[in-house]
């Protein structure tokens, strides 16, 4: 799963700590950050990843996190994700599904 914080750069340690605490019960195995600010979240199974997406939207440290399942042709370009369709920005501590 790919994620980013629109308009905010969360320190990796803070993001990793929050993601691990909240998503470890959903099978989170690994968290990485790209040089252009995207976060990559690896889950044990695709079903667990979908459970996280379906329970969204999510906030980490009071900031909205935009989430999308990664696919083979995914382009790490935030402008492509900001034109998302789906539910609004209502947030309550939980992943934001982006459909494209």
N, C-alpha and C. Protein backbone atom coordinates (compact mmCIF):
# COMPACT_ATOMS: atom_id res chain seq x y z
N UNK A 1 0.85 -1.16 0.00
CA UNK A 1 0.00 0.00 0.00
C UNK A 1 0.90 1.23 0.00
N UNK A 2 0.47 2.26 -0.68
CA UNK A 2 1.22 3.51 -0.78
C UNK A 2 0.44 4.59 -0.03
N UNK A 3 1.17 5.47 0.65
CA UNK A 3 0.51 6.55 1.36
C UNK A 3 1.34 7.82 1.34
N UNK A 4 0.67 8.94 1.56
CA UNK A 4 1.37 10.22 1.75
C UNK A 4 0.47 11.17 2.50
N UNK A 5 1.09 12.19 3.08
CA UNK A 5 0.38 13.23 3.82
C UNK A 5 0.33 14.47 2.95
N UNK A 6 -0.86 14.88 2.49
CA UNK A 6 -0.92 16.09 1.66
C UNK A 6 -0.53 17.34 2.45
N UNK A 7 0.47 18.04 1.95
CA UNK A 7 0.89 19.30 2.56
C UNK A 7 1.64 19.17 3.86
N UNK A 8 2.14 17.98 4.17
CA UNK A 8 2.82 17.78 5.45
C UNK A 8 3.88 16.70 5.29
N UNK A 9 5.03 16.90 5.94
CA UNK A 9 6.09 15.88 5.94
C UNK A 9 6.23 15.34 7.35
N UNK A 10 5.67 14.16 7.57
CA UNK A 10 5.79 13.53 8.88
C UNK A 10 7.13 12.81 8.98
N UNK A 11 7.85 13.00 10.08
CA UNK A 11 9.11 12.28 10.26
C UNK A 11 8.87 10.76 10.19
N UNK A 12 9.81 10.06 9.55
CA UNK A 12 9.65 8.63 9.35
C UNK A 12 9.44 7.89 10.68
N UNK A 13 10.22 8.23 11.69
CA UNK A 13 10.11 7.53 12.96
C UNK A 13 8.70 7.64 13.53
N UNK A 14 8.11 8.84 13.49
CA UNK A 14 6.76 9.04 14.02
C UNK A 14 5.75 8.24 13.20
N UNK A 15 5.85 8.31 11.87
CA UNK A 15 4.93 7.60 11.00
C UNK A 15 5.06 6.09 11.20
N UNK A 16 6.27 5.59 11.30
CA UNK A 16 6.51 4.16 11.49
C UNK A 16 5.95 3.68 12.83
N UNK A 17 6.16 4.47 13.87
CA UNK A 17 5.66 4.11 15.20
C UNK A 17 4.13 4.04 15.21
N UNK A 18 3.48 5.05 14.63
CA UNK A 18 2.02 5.07 14.61
C UNK A 18 1.48 3.92 13.75
N UNK A 19 2.02 3.74 12.55
CA UNK A 19 1.55 2.68 11.66
C UNK A 19 1.72 1.31 12.31
N UNK A 20 2.85 1.09 12.94
CA UNK A 20 3.10 -0.20 13.58
C UNK A 20 2.13 -0.46 14.72
N UNK A 21 1.89 0.56 15.52
CA UNK A 21 0.98 0.39 16.65
C UNK A 21 -0.45 0.12 16.19
N UNK A 22 -0.90 0.85 15.15
CA UNK A 22 -2.29 0.76 14.71
C UNK A 22 -2.52 -0.41 13.76
N UNK A 23 -1.59 -0.67 12.85
CA UNK A 23 -1.83 -1.66 11.79
C UNK A 23 -1.15 -3.01 12.01
N UNK A 24 -0.30 -3.16 13.01
CA UNK A 24 0.32 -4.47 13.26
C UNK A 24 -0.76 -5.55 13.45
N UNK A 25 -1.87 -5.26 14.17
CA UNK A 25 -2.93 -6.28 14.29
C UNK A 25 -3.57 -6.66 12.94
N UNK A 26 -3.41 -5.80 11.93
CA UNK A 26 -3.94 -6.07 10.59
C UNK A 26 -2.88 -6.69 9.68
N UNK A 27 -1.77 -7.13 10.22
CA UNK A 27 -0.77 -7.81 9.42
C UNK A 27 0.32 -6.94 8.83
N UNK A 28 0.49 -5.71 9.33
CA UNK A 28 1.57 -4.86 8.82
C UNK A 28 2.91 -5.51 9.12
N UNK A 29 3.74 -5.65 8.10
CA UNK A 29 5.06 -6.27 8.27
C UNK A 29 6.20 -5.29 8.15
N UNK A 30 6.07 -4.28 7.28
CA UNK A 30 7.20 -3.40 7.01
C UNK A 30 6.69 -2.03 6.57
N UNK A 31 7.46 -0.99 6.93
CA UNK A 31 7.16 0.38 6.54
C UNK A 31 8.44 0.97 5.95
N UNK A 32 8.31 1.61 4.79
CA UNK A 32 9.46 2.26 4.15
C UNK A 32 9.03 3.63 3.67
N UNK A 33 10.01 4.51 3.43
CA UNK A 33 9.73 5.84 2.91
C UNK A 33 10.59 6.07 1.67
N UNK A 34 9.98 6.63 0.63
CA UNK A 34 10.72 6.94 -0.58
C UNK A 34 11.34 8.33 -0.46
N UNK A 35 12.27 8.64 -1.35
CA UNK A 35 12.92 9.94 -1.30
C UNK A 35 11.98 11.08 -1.64
N UNK A 36 10.88 10.80 -2.35
CA UNK A 36 9.95 11.88 -2.70
C UNK A 36 8.74 11.93 -1.77
N UNK A 37 8.85 11.32 -0.58
CA UNK A 37 7.83 11.51 0.45
C UNK A 37 6.71 10.50 0.51
N UNK A 38 6.71 9.49 -0.34
CA UNK A 38 5.71 8.44 -0.25
C UNK A 38 6.12 7.44 0.82
N UNK A 39 5.12 6.82 1.46
CA UNK A 39 5.36 5.74 2.40
C UNK A 39 4.85 4.45 1.76
N UNK A 40 5.58 3.38 1.98
CA UNK A 40 5.18 2.07 1.49
C UNK A 40 4.91 1.19 2.70
N UNK A 41 3.72 0.58 2.71
CA UNK A 41 3.31 -0.28 3.82
C UNK A 41 3.12 -1.69 3.27
N UNK A 42 3.82 -2.64 3.85
CA UNK A 42 3.74 -4.03 3.40
C UNK A 42 2.95 -4.84 4.42
N UNK A 43 1.95 -5.57 3.94
CA UNK A 43 1.12 -6.41 4.79
C UNK A 43 1.35 -7.88 4.47
N UNK A 44 1.01 -8.75 5.42
CA UNK A 44 1.19 -10.18 5.22
C UNK A 44 0.34 -10.69 4.06
N UNK A 45 -0.91 -10.22 3.99
CA UNK A 45 -1.81 -10.69 2.94
C UNK A 45 -2.55 -9.51 2.32
N UNK A 46 -3.06 -9.72 1.13
CA UNK A 46 -3.85 -8.69 0.47
C UNK A 46 -5.16 -8.45 1.21
N UNK A 47 -5.71 -9.48 1.83
CA UNK A 47 -6.95 -9.33 2.60
C UNK A 47 -6.74 -8.39 3.78
N UNK A 48 -5.59 -8.48 4.43
CA UNK A 48 -5.31 -7.60 5.56
C UNK A 48 -5.13 -6.16 5.09
N UNK A 49 -4.48 -5.99 3.95
CA UNK A 49 -4.33 -4.66 3.37
C UNK A 49 -5.71 -4.05 3.08
N UNK A 50 -6.60 -4.84 2.48
CA UNK A 50 -7.94 -4.35 2.16
C UNK A 50 -8.72 -4.01 3.43
N UNK A 51 -8.50 -4.76 4.50
CA UNK A 51 -9.18 -4.45 5.76
C UNK A 51 -8.79 -3.06 6.25
N UNK A 52 -7.51 -2.71 6.12
CA UNK A 52 -7.05 -1.37 6.53
C UNK A 52 -7.70 -0.30 5.65
N UNK A 53 -7.71 -0.50 4.34
CA UNK A 53 -8.31 0.48 3.44
C UNK A 53 -9.80 0.66 3.73
N UNK A 54 -10.49 -0.42 4.01
CA UNK A 54 -11.94 -0.35 4.25
C UNK A 54 -12.28 0.30 5.58
N UNK A 55 -11.39 0.28 6.53
CA UNK A 55 -11.66 0.90 7.84
C UNK A 55 -11.36 2.39 7.87
N UNK A 56 -10.85 2.93 6.77
CA UNK A 56 -10.49 4.34 6.72
C UNK A 56 -11.69 5.24 6.67
N UNK A 57 -11.48 6.52 6.62
CA UNK A 57 -10.19 7.22 6.47
C UNK A 57 -9.38 7.21 7.76
N UNK A 58 -8.06 7.47 7.61
CA UNK A 58 -7.12 7.42 8.72
C UNK A 58 -6.43 8.77 8.91
N UNK A 59 -6.07 9.01 10.15
CA UNK A 59 -5.22 10.17 10.50
C UNK A 59 -4.05 9.64 11.32
N UNK A 60 -2.87 10.17 11.07
CA UNK A 60 -1.68 9.86 11.86
C UNK A 60 -1.22 11.18 12.46
N UNK A 61 -1.12 11.26 13.75
CA UNK A 61 -0.65 12.48 14.40
C UNK A 61 -1.50 13.68 14.06
N UNK A 62 -2.80 13.48 13.87
CA UNK A 62 -3.71 14.57 13.54
C UNK A 62 -3.66 15.01 12.09
N UNK A 63 -2.96 14.28 11.24
CA UNK A 63 -2.83 14.63 9.81
C UNK A 63 -3.45 13.53 8.95
N UNK A 64 -4.22 13.96 7.95
CA UNK A 64 -4.80 13.00 7.00
C UNK A 64 -3.70 12.27 6.25
N UNK A 65 -3.88 10.96 6.08
CA UNK A 65 -2.97 10.19 5.24
C UNK A 65 -3.79 9.62 4.08
N UNK A 66 -3.32 9.88 2.87
CA UNK A 66 -3.95 9.37 1.66
C UNK A 66 -3.35 8.01 1.37
N UNK A 67 -4.19 7.00 1.20
CA UNK A 67 -3.72 5.63 0.97
C UNK A 67 -4.29 5.07 -0.32
N UNK A 68 -3.49 4.24 -0.95
CA UNK A 68 -3.93 3.56 -2.17
C UNK A 68 -3.19 2.24 -2.29
N UNK A 69 -3.91 1.23 -2.75
CA UNK A 69 -3.23 -0.03 -3.01
C UNK A 69 -2.29 0.17 -4.18
N UNK A 70 -1.09 -0.34 -4.04
CA UNK A 70 -0.09 -0.19 -5.10
C UNK A 70 -0.34 -1.22 -6.19
N UNK A 71 -0.16 -0.82 -7.42
CA UNK A 71 -0.28 -1.73 -8.55
C UNK A 71 0.99 -1.62 -9.38
N UNK A 72 1.24 -2.57 -10.30
CA UNK A 72 2.51 -2.60 -11.03
C UNK A 72 2.84 -1.32 -11.80
N UNK A 73 1.84 -0.58 -12.28
CA UNK A 73 2.12 0.63 -13.06
C UNK A 73 1.97 1.90 -12.22
N UNK A 74 1.98 1.77 -10.90
CA UNK A 74 1.82 2.93 -10.03
C UNK A 74 2.94 3.92 -10.28
N UNK A 75 2.57 5.21 -10.43
CA UNK A 75 3.55 6.28 -10.60
C UNK A 75 3.59 7.08 -9.30
N UNK A 76 4.78 7.23 -8.76
CA UNK A 76 4.94 7.96 -7.52
C UNK A 76 4.86 9.46 -7.79
N UNK A 77 3.65 9.93 -8.07
CA UNK A 77 3.38 11.32 -8.39
C UNK A 77 2.14 11.73 -7.61
N UNK A 78 2.31 12.58 -6.61
CA UNK A 78 1.20 12.97 -5.73
C UNK A 78 0.09 13.69 -6.48
N UNK A 79 0.42 14.39 -7.56
CA UNK A 79 -0.63 15.10 -8.30
C UNK A 79 -1.63 14.13 -8.90
N UNK A 80 -1.21 12.92 -9.23
CA UNK A 80 -2.13 11.91 -9.74
C UNK A 80 -3.10 11.45 -8.67
N UNK A 81 -2.68 11.44 -7.42
CA UNK A 81 -3.53 10.96 -6.34
C UNK A 81 -4.47 12.03 -5.82
N UNK A 82 -4.14 13.28 -6.01
CA UNK A 82 -4.98 14.34 -5.45
C UNK A 82 -6.29 14.51 -6.21
N UNK A 83 -6.41 13.93 -7.38
CA UNK A 83 -7.66 13.96 -8.11
C UNK A 83 -8.50 12.73 -7.81
N UNK A 84 -8.47 12.28 -6.57
CA UNK A 84 -9.15 11.05 -6.20
C UNK A 84 -10.66 11.20 -6.25
N UNK A 85 -11.31 10.04 -6.34
CA UNK A 85 -12.76 9.95 -6.21
C UNK A 85 -13.04 9.13 -4.97
N UNK A 86 -14.17 9.35 -4.36
CA UNK A 86 -14.54 8.52 -3.21
C UNK A 86 -14.99 9.39 -2.07
N UNK A 87 -14.93 8.84 -0.87
CA UNK A 87 -15.43 9.54 0.29
C UNK A 87 -14.60 10.78 0.57
N UNK A 88 -15.20 11.72 1.28
CA UNK A 88 -14.56 13.01 1.55
C UNK A 88 -13.46 12.91 2.59
N UNK A 89 -13.05 14.06 3.09
CA UNK A 89 -11.93 14.11 4.01
C UNK A 89 -12.33 13.93 5.46
N UNK A 90 -13.53 13.42 5.73
CA UNK A 90 -13.89 13.15 7.11
C UNK A 90 -12.92 12.13 7.68
N UNK A 91 -12.37 12.39 8.86
CA UNK A 91 -11.33 11.52 9.37
C UNK A 91 -11.56 11.28 10.85
N UNK A 92 -11.21 10.07 11.28
CA UNK A 92 -11.35 9.75 12.69
C UNK A 92 -10.29 8.76 13.13
N UNK A 93 -9.05 9.10 12.95
CA UNK A 93 -7.98 8.22 13.39
C UNK A 93 -7.84 6.95 12.59
N UNK A 94 -8.35 6.87 11.44
CA UNK A 94 -8.23 5.65 10.69
C UNK A 94 -7.81 5.82 9.24
N UNK A 95 -7.13 4.73 7.17
CA UNK A 95 -6.70 4.79 5.82
C UNK A 95 -7.69 5.44 4.93
N UNK A 96 -7.28 6.02 4.05
CA UNK A 96 -8.08 6.76 3.09
C UNK A 96 -7.97 6.05 1.77
N UNK A 97 -9.08 5.62 1.26
CA UNK A 97 -9.04 4.89 0.01
C UNK A 97 -9.04 5.86 -1.15
N UNK A 98 -8.12 5.68 -2.07
CA UNK A 98 -8.03 6.49 -3.27
C UNK A 98 -8.34 5.59 -4.43
N UNK A 99 -9.28 5.98 -5.26
CA UNK A 99 -9.62 5.19 -6.43
C UNK A 99 -9.22 5.95 -7.66
N UNK A 100 -8.64 5.25 -8.60
CA UNK A 100 -8.19 5.96 -9.79
C UNK A 100 -8.49 5.23 -11.06
